[in-house]
N, C-alpha and C. Protein backbone atom coordinates (compact mmCIF):
# COMPACT_ATOMS: atom_id res chain seq x y z
N MET A 1 3.05 -5.82 -7.46
CA MET A 1 3.59 -7.08 -7.94
C MET A 1 5.09 -7.20 -7.70
N GLN A 2 5.72 -6.13 -7.22
CA GLN A 2 7.15 -6.15 -6.96
C GLN A 2 7.42 -6.03 -5.46
N GLU A 3 8.26 -6.91 -4.96
CA GLU A 3 8.67 -6.81 -3.56
C GLU A 3 9.54 -5.57 -3.37
N GLY A 4 9.58 -5.09 -2.15
CA GLY A 4 10.46 -3.98 -1.83
C GLY A 4 9.70 -2.81 -1.25
N LYS A 5 10.45 -1.73 -1.01
CA LYS A 5 9.86 -0.51 -0.46
C LYS A 5 9.36 0.36 -1.60
N HIS A 6 8.13 0.84 -1.45
CA HIS A 6 7.50 1.66 -2.47
C HIS A 6 6.98 2.95 -1.82
N THR A 7 7.29 4.09 -2.43
CA THR A 7 6.72 5.34 -1.97
C THR A 7 5.32 5.45 -2.54
N LEU A 8 4.32 5.48 -1.65
CA LEU A 8 2.93 5.60 -2.08
C LEU A 8 2.57 7.05 -2.32
N LEU A 9 2.99 7.93 -1.39
CA LEU A 9 2.73 9.37 -1.51
C LEU A 9 3.97 10.16 -1.11
N GLN A 10 4.23 11.24 -1.81
CA GLN A 10 5.29 12.18 -1.46
C GLN A 10 4.75 13.58 -1.75
N ILE A 11 4.60 14.39 -0.69
CA ILE A 11 4.06 15.75 -0.84
C ILE A 11 5.03 16.72 -0.18
N PRO A 12 5.49 17.73 -0.92
CA PRO A 12 5.43 17.90 -2.37
C PRO A 12 6.25 16.83 -3.09
N ARG A 13 5.95 16.69 -4.35
CA ARG A 13 6.54 15.61 -5.14
C ARG A 13 8.07 15.62 -5.11
N GLU A 14 8.68 16.77 -5.28
CA GLU A 14 10.14 16.87 -5.37
C GLU A 14 10.77 17.31 -4.05
N ALA A 15 10.09 17.17 -2.94
CA ALA A 15 10.58 17.65 -1.65
C ALA A 15 11.77 16.84 -1.16
N GLY A 16 12.66 17.52 -0.46
CA GLY A 16 13.73 16.85 0.25
C GLY A 16 13.25 16.52 1.66
N VAL A 17 14.09 15.85 2.43
CA VAL A 17 13.72 15.44 3.79
C VAL A 17 13.30 16.65 4.63
N ALA A 18 14.00 17.77 4.49
CA ALA A 18 13.76 18.93 5.34
C ALA A 18 12.43 19.63 5.05
N ASN A 19 11.90 19.51 3.83
CA ASN A 19 10.66 20.21 3.51
C ASN A 19 9.54 19.29 3.05
N THR A 20 9.55 18.06 3.51
CA THR A 20 8.49 17.11 3.17
C THR A 20 7.28 17.33 4.07
N LEU A 21 6.14 17.53 3.46
CA LEU A 21 4.90 17.63 4.22
C LEU A 21 4.40 16.24 4.59
N LEU A 22 4.49 15.31 3.63
CA LEU A 22 4.00 13.95 3.89
C LEU A 22 4.75 12.96 3.02
N HIS A 23 5.18 11.87 3.64
CA HIS A 23 5.84 10.77 2.93
C HIS A 23 5.24 9.47 3.46
N VAL A 24 4.66 8.69 2.56
CA VAL A 24 4.08 7.39 2.93
C VAL A 24 4.82 6.33 2.15
N GLN A 25 5.46 5.42 2.89
CA GLN A 25 6.23 4.35 2.28
C GLN A 25 5.74 3.00 2.80
N ALA A 26 5.55 2.05 1.88
CA ALA A 26 5.10 0.71 2.26
C ALA A 26 6.11 -0.32 1.77
N SER A 27 6.22 -1.39 2.53
CA SER A 27 7.08 -2.50 2.16
C SER A 27 6.19 -3.65 1.69
N ALA A 28 6.38 -4.07 0.44
CA ALA A 28 5.60 -5.16 -0.13
C ALA A 28 6.42 -6.44 -0.08
N GLU A 29 5.77 -7.53 0.32
CA GLU A 29 6.44 -8.83 0.39
C GLU A 29 5.55 -9.90 -0.23
N HIS A 30 6.21 -10.86 -0.87
CA HIS A 30 5.50 -12.02 -1.40
C HIS A 30 5.25 -12.97 -0.24
N ASP A 31 4.01 -13.39 -0.06
CA ASP A 31 3.67 -14.28 1.06
C ASP A 31 2.58 -15.24 0.60
N GLY A 32 2.96 -16.37 0.05
CA GLY A 32 2.00 -17.35 -0.43
C GLY A 32 2.52 -18.05 -1.66
N GLY A 33 1.73 -18.96 -2.19
CA GLY A 33 2.15 -19.78 -3.31
C GLY A 33 1.94 -19.16 -4.67
N ALA A 34 0.99 -18.24 -4.79
CA ALA A 34 0.69 -17.64 -6.09
C ALA A 34 1.52 -16.39 -6.32
N CYS A 35 1.77 -16.08 -7.57
CA CYS A 35 2.53 -14.88 -7.91
C CYS A 35 1.84 -13.62 -7.40
N ALA A 36 0.54 -13.62 -7.39
CA ALA A 36 -0.23 -12.45 -6.96
C ALA A 36 -0.29 -12.28 -5.44
N ASP A 37 0.30 -13.19 -4.70
CA ASP A 37 0.27 -13.11 -3.23
C ASP A 37 1.31 -12.10 -2.74
N MET A 38 1.09 -10.83 -3.08
CA MET A 38 1.97 -9.74 -2.70
C MET A 38 1.19 -8.84 -1.75
N TYR A 39 1.78 -8.54 -0.60
CA TYR A 39 1.06 -7.82 0.44
C TYR A 39 1.93 -6.73 1.06
N PHE A 40 1.28 -5.63 1.48
CA PHE A 40 1.98 -4.63 2.27
C PHE A 40 2.13 -5.17 3.68
N LYS A 41 3.38 -5.24 4.14
CA LYS A 41 3.67 -5.77 5.47
C LYS A 41 4.02 -4.67 6.47
N THR A 42 4.61 -3.58 6.01
CA THR A 42 4.88 -2.43 6.87
C THR A 42 4.48 -1.17 6.13
N LEU A 43 4.17 -0.13 6.90
CA LEU A 43 3.80 1.16 6.32
C LEU A 43 4.27 2.25 7.25
N ASN A 44 4.96 3.25 6.71
CA ASN A 44 5.47 4.37 7.51
C ASN A 44 4.93 5.67 6.96
N ILE A 45 4.45 6.51 7.85
CA ILE A 45 3.94 7.83 7.50
C ILE A 45 4.79 8.86 8.24
N THR A 46 5.51 9.70 7.48
CA THR A 46 6.39 10.70 8.07
C THR A 46 6.17 12.04 7.40
N GLY A 47 6.88 13.04 7.90
CA GLY A 47 6.79 14.38 7.34
C GLY A 47 6.12 15.34 8.31
N GLU A 48 6.08 16.61 7.92
CA GLU A 48 5.53 17.66 8.78
C GLU A 48 4.09 17.38 9.21
N TRP A 49 3.24 16.94 8.26
CA TRP A 49 1.84 16.69 8.61
C TRP A 49 1.70 15.52 9.59
N ALA A 50 2.55 14.53 9.46
CA ALA A 50 2.52 13.40 10.40
C ALA A 50 3.02 13.84 11.77
N ASP A 51 4.08 14.65 11.78
CA ASP A 51 4.64 15.15 13.05
C ASP A 51 3.63 16.00 13.82
N GLU A 52 2.74 16.70 13.10
CA GLU A 52 1.71 17.49 13.78
C GLU A 52 0.77 16.60 14.59
N ARG A 53 0.57 15.37 14.14
CA ARG A 53 -0.31 14.43 14.84
C ARG A 53 0.45 13.64 15.90
N GLN A 54 1.69 13.27 15.57
CA GLN A 54 2.51 12.46 16.48
C GLN A 54 3.97 12.64 16.10
N LYS A 55 4.77 13.12 17.04
CA LYS A 55 6.20 13.36 16.78
C LYS A 55 6.86 12.08 16.26
N GLY A 56 7.55 12.18 15.14
CA GLY A 56 8.21 11.02 14.55
C GLY A 56 7.36 10.26 13.56
N GLY A 57 6.08 10.62 13.46
CA GLY A 57 5.19 9.97 12.49
C GLY A 57 4.60 8.67 12.99
N PHE A 58 4.22 7.82 12.06
CA PHE A 58 3.51 6.58 12.38
C PHE A 58 4.16 5.40 11.66
N ALA A 59 4.23 4.27 12.34
CA ALA A 59 4.75 3.03 11.76
C ALA A 59 3.74 1.92 12.03
N TYR A 60 3.41 1.19 11.00
CA TYR A 60 2.45 0.09 11.10
C TYR A 60 3.12 -1.20 10.63
N ILE A 61 2.81 -2.30 11.31
CA ILE A 61 3.34 -3.62 10.97
C ILE A 61 2.16 -4.58 10.90
N SER A 62 2.09 -5.35 9.83
CA SER A 62 0.94 -6.23 9.62
C SER A 62 0.80 -7.29 10.70
N ASP A 63 1.93 -7.73 11.28
CA ASP A 63 1.89 -8.77 12.30
C ASP A 63 1.50 -8.24 13.68
N SER A 64 1.35 -6.93 13.81
CA SER A 64 0.98 -6.31 15.09
C SER A 64 -0.27 -5.46 14.91
N PRO A 65 -1.43 -6.11 14.74
CA PRO A 65 -2.65 -5.34 14.50
C PRO A 65 -2.99 -4.41 15.66
N GLU A 66 -3.47 -3.25 15.29
CA GLU A 66 -3.93 -2.26 16.25
C GLU A 66 -5.41 -2.02 16.02
N LYS A 67 -6.05 -1.42 16.98
CA LYS A 67 -7.45 -1.05 16.81
C LYS A 67 -7.54 -0.06 15.66
N VAL A 68 -8.45 -0.31 14.75
CA VAL A 68 -8.62 0.58 13.60
C VAL A 68 -9.18 1.90 14.10
N SER A 69 -8.45 2.99 13.80
CA SER A 69 -8.86 4.29 14.30
C SER A 69 -9.67 5.08 13.28
N GLY A 70 -9.94 4.51 12.14
CA GLY A 70 -10.73 5.20 11.13
C GLY A 70 -9.91 6.23 10.38
N TRP A 71 -10.59 7.11 9.70
CA TRP A 71 -9.94 8.13 8.90
C TRP A 71 -9.27 9.16 9.79
N GLN A 72 -8.05 9.55 9.42
CA GLN A 72 -7.31 10.58 10.14
C GLN A 72 -6.89 11.65 9.14
N THR A 73 -6.94 12.91 9.56
CA THR A 73 -6.58 14.01 8.69
C THR A 73 -5.11 14.35 8.84
N PHE A 74 -4.42 14.45 7.71
CA PHE A 74 -3.03 14.86 7.63
C PHE A 74 -3.00 16.02 6.65
N GLY A 75 -2.78 17.23 7.15
CA GLY A 75 -2.83 18.40 6.28
C GLY A 75 -4.22 18.53 5.70
N SER A 76 -4.33 18.45 4.38
CA SER A 76 -5.63 18.60 3.72
C SER A 76 -6.20 17.29 3.19
N ILE A 77 -5.57 16.16 3.53
CA ILE A 77 -6.06 14.86 3.05
C ILE A 77 -6.44 13.97 4.24
N ASP A 78 -7.20 12.94 3.96
CA ASP A 78 -7.57 11.96 4.96
C ASP A 78 -6.98 10.61 4.56
N MET A 79 -6.47 9.89 5.58
CA MET A 79 -5.87 8.58 5.33
C MET A 79 -6.34 7.59 6.38
N LYS A 80 -6.29 6.32 5.99
CA LYS A 80 -6.66 5.24 6.91
C LYS A 80 -5.79 4.03 6.61
N VAL A 81 -5.35 3.35 7.67
CA VAL A 81 -4.63 2.10 7.55
C VAL A 81 -5.50 1.03 8.21
N ALA A 82 -5.67 -0.09 7.53
CA ALA A 82 -6.49 -1.18 8.07
C ALA A 82 -5.73 -2.49 7.96
N TRP A 83 -5.90 -3.34 8.96
CA TRP A 83 -5.26 -4.65 8.98
C TRP A 83 -6.19 -5.66 8.35
N GLY A 84 -5.59 -6.64 7.67
CA GLY A 84 -6.36 -7.72 7.09
C GLY A 84 -5.59 -9.02 7.19
N HIS A 85 -6.29 -10.10 6.88
CA HIS A 85 -5.64 -11.41 6.83
C HIS A 85 -6.39 -12.29 5.85
N THR A 86 -5.66 -13.20 5.22
CA THR A 86 -6.26 -14.13 4.29
C THR A 86 -6.82 -15.33 5.05
N LYS A 87 -7.54 -16.17 4.35
CA LYS A 87 -8.06 -17.39 4.96
C LYS A 87 -6.94 -18.28 5.49
N SER A 88 -5.76 -18.21 4.85
CA SER A 88 -4.64 -19.05 5.28
C SER A 88 -3.81 -18.41 6.39
N GLY A 89 -4.19 -17.18 6.81
CA GLY A 89 -3.52 -16.56 7.94
C GLY A 89 -2.47 -15.52 7.60
N THR A 90 -2.26 -15.22 6.34
CA THR A 90 -1.31 -14.18 5.95
C THR A 90 -1.86 -12.83 6.38
N THR A 91 -1.05 -12.06 7.11
CA THR A 91 -1.47 -10.74 7.55
C THR A 91 -0.94 -9.68 6.58
N TYR A 92 -1.70 -8.60 6.45
CA TYR A 92 -1.31 -7.53 5.54
C TYR A 92 -1.95 -6.22 5.96
N LEU A 93 -1.50 -5.14 5.33
CA LEU A 93 -2.03 -3.81 5.60
C LEU A 93 -2.70 -3.27 4.34
N ASN A 94 -3.79 -2.56 4.52
CA ASN A 94 -4.43 -1.81 3.44
C ASN A 94 -4.23 -0.33 3.74
N PHE A 95 -4.05 0.46 2.70
CA PHE A 95 -3.86 1.91 2.85
C PHE A 95 -4.90 2.61 1.99
N TYR A 96 -5.57 3.58 2.58
CA TYR A 96 -6.60 4.35 1.89
C TYR A 96 -6.29 5.84 2.04
N VAL A 97 -6.55 6.60 1.00
CA VAL A 97 -6.35 8.05 1.04
C VAL A 97 -7.47 8.70 0.23
N LYS A 98 -7.91 9.88 0.69
CA LYS A 98 -8.92 10.62 -0.07
C LYS A 98 -8.65 12.12 0.05
N HIS A 99 -9.24 12.85 -0.86
CA HIS A 99 -9.14 14.32 -0.94
C HIS A 99 -7.78 14.79 -1.46
N LEU A 100 -7.14 14.02 -2.31
CA LEU A 100 -5.84 14.43 -2.86
C LEU A 100 -5.96 15.71 -3.70
N LYS A 101 -7.14 15.97 -4.26
CA LYS A 101 -7.32 17.18 -5.07
C LYS A 101 -7.22 18.45 -4.22
N ARG A 102 -7.34 18.32 -2.92
CA ARG A 102 -7.24 19.49 -2.04
C ARG A 102 -5.80 19.96 -1.84
N VAL A 103 -4.83 19.15 -2.18
CA VAL A 103 -3.43 19.47 -1.94
C VAL A 103 -2.97 20.51 -2.96
N ASP A 104 -2.29 21.54 -2.48
CA ASP A 104 -1.82 22.63 -3.34
C ASP A 104 -0.41 22.39 -3.88
N HIS A 105 0.03 21.16 -3.92
CA HIS A 105 1.36 20.79 -4.42
C HIS A 105 1.21 19.60 -5.36
N ASP A 106 2.21 19.43 -6.23
CA ASP A 106 2.26 18.19 -6.99
C ASP A 106 2.49 17.05 -6.01
N ILE A 107 1.88 15.91 -6.28
CA ILE A 107 1.97 14.74 -5.41
C ILE A 107 2.78 13.67 -6.12
N GLY A 108 3.81 13.18 -5.45
CA GLY A 108 4.62 12.11 -5.99
C GLY A 108 4.21 10.77 -5.39
N GLY A 109 4.93 9.75 -5.77
CA GLY A 109 4.63 8.40 -5.31
C GLY A 109 3.77 7.68 -6.32
N ILE A 110 3.60 6.38 -6.12
CA ILE A 110 2.84 5.59 -7.10
C ILE A 110 1.35 5.86 -7.05
N LEU A 111 0.86 6.54 -6.01
CA LEU A 111 -0.53 6.98 -5.99
C LEU A 111 -0.65 8.43 -6.46
N GLY A 112 0.48 9.04 -6.78
CA GLY A 112 0.53 10.40 -7.29
C GLY A 112 0.95 10.39 -8.74
N LEU A 113 1.85 11.32 -9.08
CA LEU A 113 2.27 11.50 -10.47
C LEU A 113 3.43 10.62 -10.90
N ASP A 114 4.06 9.92 -9.97
CA ASP A 114 5.20 9.08 -10.34
C ASP A 114 4.74 7.81 -11.05
N ASP A 115 5.63 7.21 -11.77
CA ASP A 115 5.32 6.03 -12.58
C ASP A 115 5.10 4.80 -11.69
N TYR A 116 3.90 4.27 -11.72
CA TYR A 116 3.54 3.09 -10.92
C TYR A 116 3.91 1.79 -11.63
N ARG A 117 4.20 1.85 -12.92
CA ARG A 117 4.39 0.63 -13.71
C ARG A 117 5.52 -0.28 -13.22
N PRO A 118 6.67 0.25 -12.76
CA PRO A 118 7.70 -0.67 -12.26
C PRO A 118 7.21 -1.50 -11.06
N ALA A 119 6.42 -0.89 -10.17
CA ALA A 119 5.91 -1.62 -9.00
C ALA A 119 4.81 -2.60 -9.40
N ALA A 120 4.10 -2.30 -10.47
CA ALA A 120 2.98 -3.15 -10.90
C ALA A 120 3.40 -4.27 -11.84
N LYS A 121 4.64 -4.22 -12.34
CA LYS A 121 5.11 -5.22 -13.28
C LYS A 121 5.34 -6.55 -12.57
N ALA A 122 4.89 -7.61 -13.17
CA ALA A 122 5.07 -8.94 -12.59
C ALA A 122 6.55 -9.30 -12.55
N ALA A 123 6.95 -9.98 -11.49
CA ALA A 123 8.33 -10.46 -11.36
C ALA A 123 8.63 -11.41 -12.53
N ALA A 124 9.90 -11.52 -12.87
CA ALA A 124 10.31 -12.32 -14.03
C ALA A 124 9.79 -13.76 -13.95
N ASP A 125 9.81 -14.36 -12.76
CA ASP A 125 9.36 -15.75 -12.65
C ASP A 125 7.83 -15.86 -12.64
N CYS A 126 7.12 -14.74 -12.71
CA CYS A 126 5.66 -14.76 -12.75
C CYS A 126 5.12 -14.18 -14.06
N ALA A 127 5.98 -13.73 -14.93
CA ALA A 127 5.56 -13.03 -16.14
C ALA A 127 4.70 -13.89 -17.05
N ASP A 128 4.93 -15.18 -17.08
CA ASP A 128 4.20 -16.07 -17.98
C ASP A 128 3.19 -16.92 -17.24
N THR A 129 2.60 -16.39 -16.18
CA THR A 129 1.62 -17.12 -15.40
C THR A 129 0.26 -16.47 -15.53
N VAL A 130 -0.77 -17.25 -15.73
CA VAL A 130 -2.15 -16.76 -15.80
C VAL A 130 -2.93 -17.46 -14.69
N ILE A 131 -3.68 -16.67 -13.92
CA ILE A 131 -4.50 -17.22 -12.84
C ILE A 131 -5.95 -16.88 -13.11
N LEU A 132 -6.79 -17.89 -13.13
CA LEU A 132 -8.22 -17.70 -13.28
C LEU A 132 -8.87 -18.06 -11.96
N LEU A 133 -9.76 -17.21 -11.50
CA LEU A 133 -10.39 -17.40 -10.21
C LEU A 133 -11.89 -17.27 -10.37
N ALA A 134 -12.63 -18.23 -9.86
CA ALA A 134 -14.08 -18.17 -9.90
C ALA A 134 -14.60 -17.93 -8.49
N THR A 135 -15.68 -17.14 -8.38
CA THR A 135 -16.31 -16.87 -7.10
C THR A 135 -17.79 -17.19 -7.20
N ASP A 136 -18.41 -17.41 -6.04
CA ASP A 136 -19.85 -17.65 -6.01
C ASP A 136 -20.58 -16.31 -5.81
N ASP A 137 -21.89 -16.35 -5.62
CA ASP A 137 -22.69 -15.13 -5.46
C ASP A 137 -22.32 -14.34 -4.21
N ASN A 138 -21.68 -14.96 -3.24
CA ASN A 138 -21.26 -14.27 -2.02
C ASN A 138 -19.81 -13.82 -2.10
N ASN A 139 -19.23 -13.84 -3.32
CA ASN A 139 -17.86 -13.42 -3.58
C ASN A 139 -16.83 -14.26 -2.83
N ARG A 140 -17.14 -15.53 -2.59
CA ARG A 140 -16.18 -16.45 -1.98
C ARG A 140 -15.48 -17.23 -3.08
N GLU A 141 -14.19 -17.50 -2.87
CA GLU A 141 -13.46 -18.30 -3.85
C GLU A 141 -14.04 -19.71 -3.89
N VAL A 142 -14.34 -20.18 -5.09
CA VAL A 142 -14.84 -21.54 -5.22
C VAL A 142 -13.94 -22.40 -6.09
N SER A 143 -13.15 -21.77 -6.94
CA SER A 143 -12.20 -22.54 -7.74
C SER A 143 -11.11 -21.63 -8.28
N GLU A 144 -10.00 -22.24 -8.60
CA GLU A 144 -8.85 -21.49 -9.11
C GLU A 144 -8.12 -22.37 -10.11
N ALA A 145 -7.61 -21.76 -11.17
CA ALA A 145 -6.79 -22.46 -12.15
C ALA A 145 -5.58 -21.61 -12.44
N THR A 146 -4.41 -22.23 -12.49
CA THR A 146 -3.16 -21.52 -12.75
C THR A 146 -2.45 -22.21 -13.90
N ALA A 147 -1.95 -21.40 -14.84
CA ALA A 147 -1.19 -21.94 -15.96
C ALA A 147 0.14 -21.23 -16.04
N ASP A 148 1.20 -22.00 -16.13
CA ASP A 148 2.53 -21.44 -16.30
C ASP A 148 2.86 -21.53 -17.76
N MET A 149 2.98 -20.39 -18.44
CA MET A 149 3.18 -20.36 -19.87
C MET A 149 4.62 -20.66 -20.18
């Protein structure tokens, strides 16, 4: 719910640049009319485990879709980046990770042990907004109601 750069994963949690095994950072941007229209627009994967796969790591941009390569192994975890778009044409990135329990280090970032609440807190101009959304049996949007408190 907050724009800006967010560390999704940091392995080890307290690692410096020189001893980082994995660092995943995403840039969230508001793109649309509703407060909830927050999307990952860029994603960077760096660190020793990323360098083992590709020197310098990986950079993804939502406006430049690539062929989805499926799950990729980084150290002892698997990750996947997928491109998406809304009905109105907004492009975004999805990030998936699995097997975090296999890591022999504390994991930082908002998907790890760090506090996710600042990133999840609604922006001040959206704090008093309620959105109700109805879907049909095929999970398609059929109606929406928004109230500004």
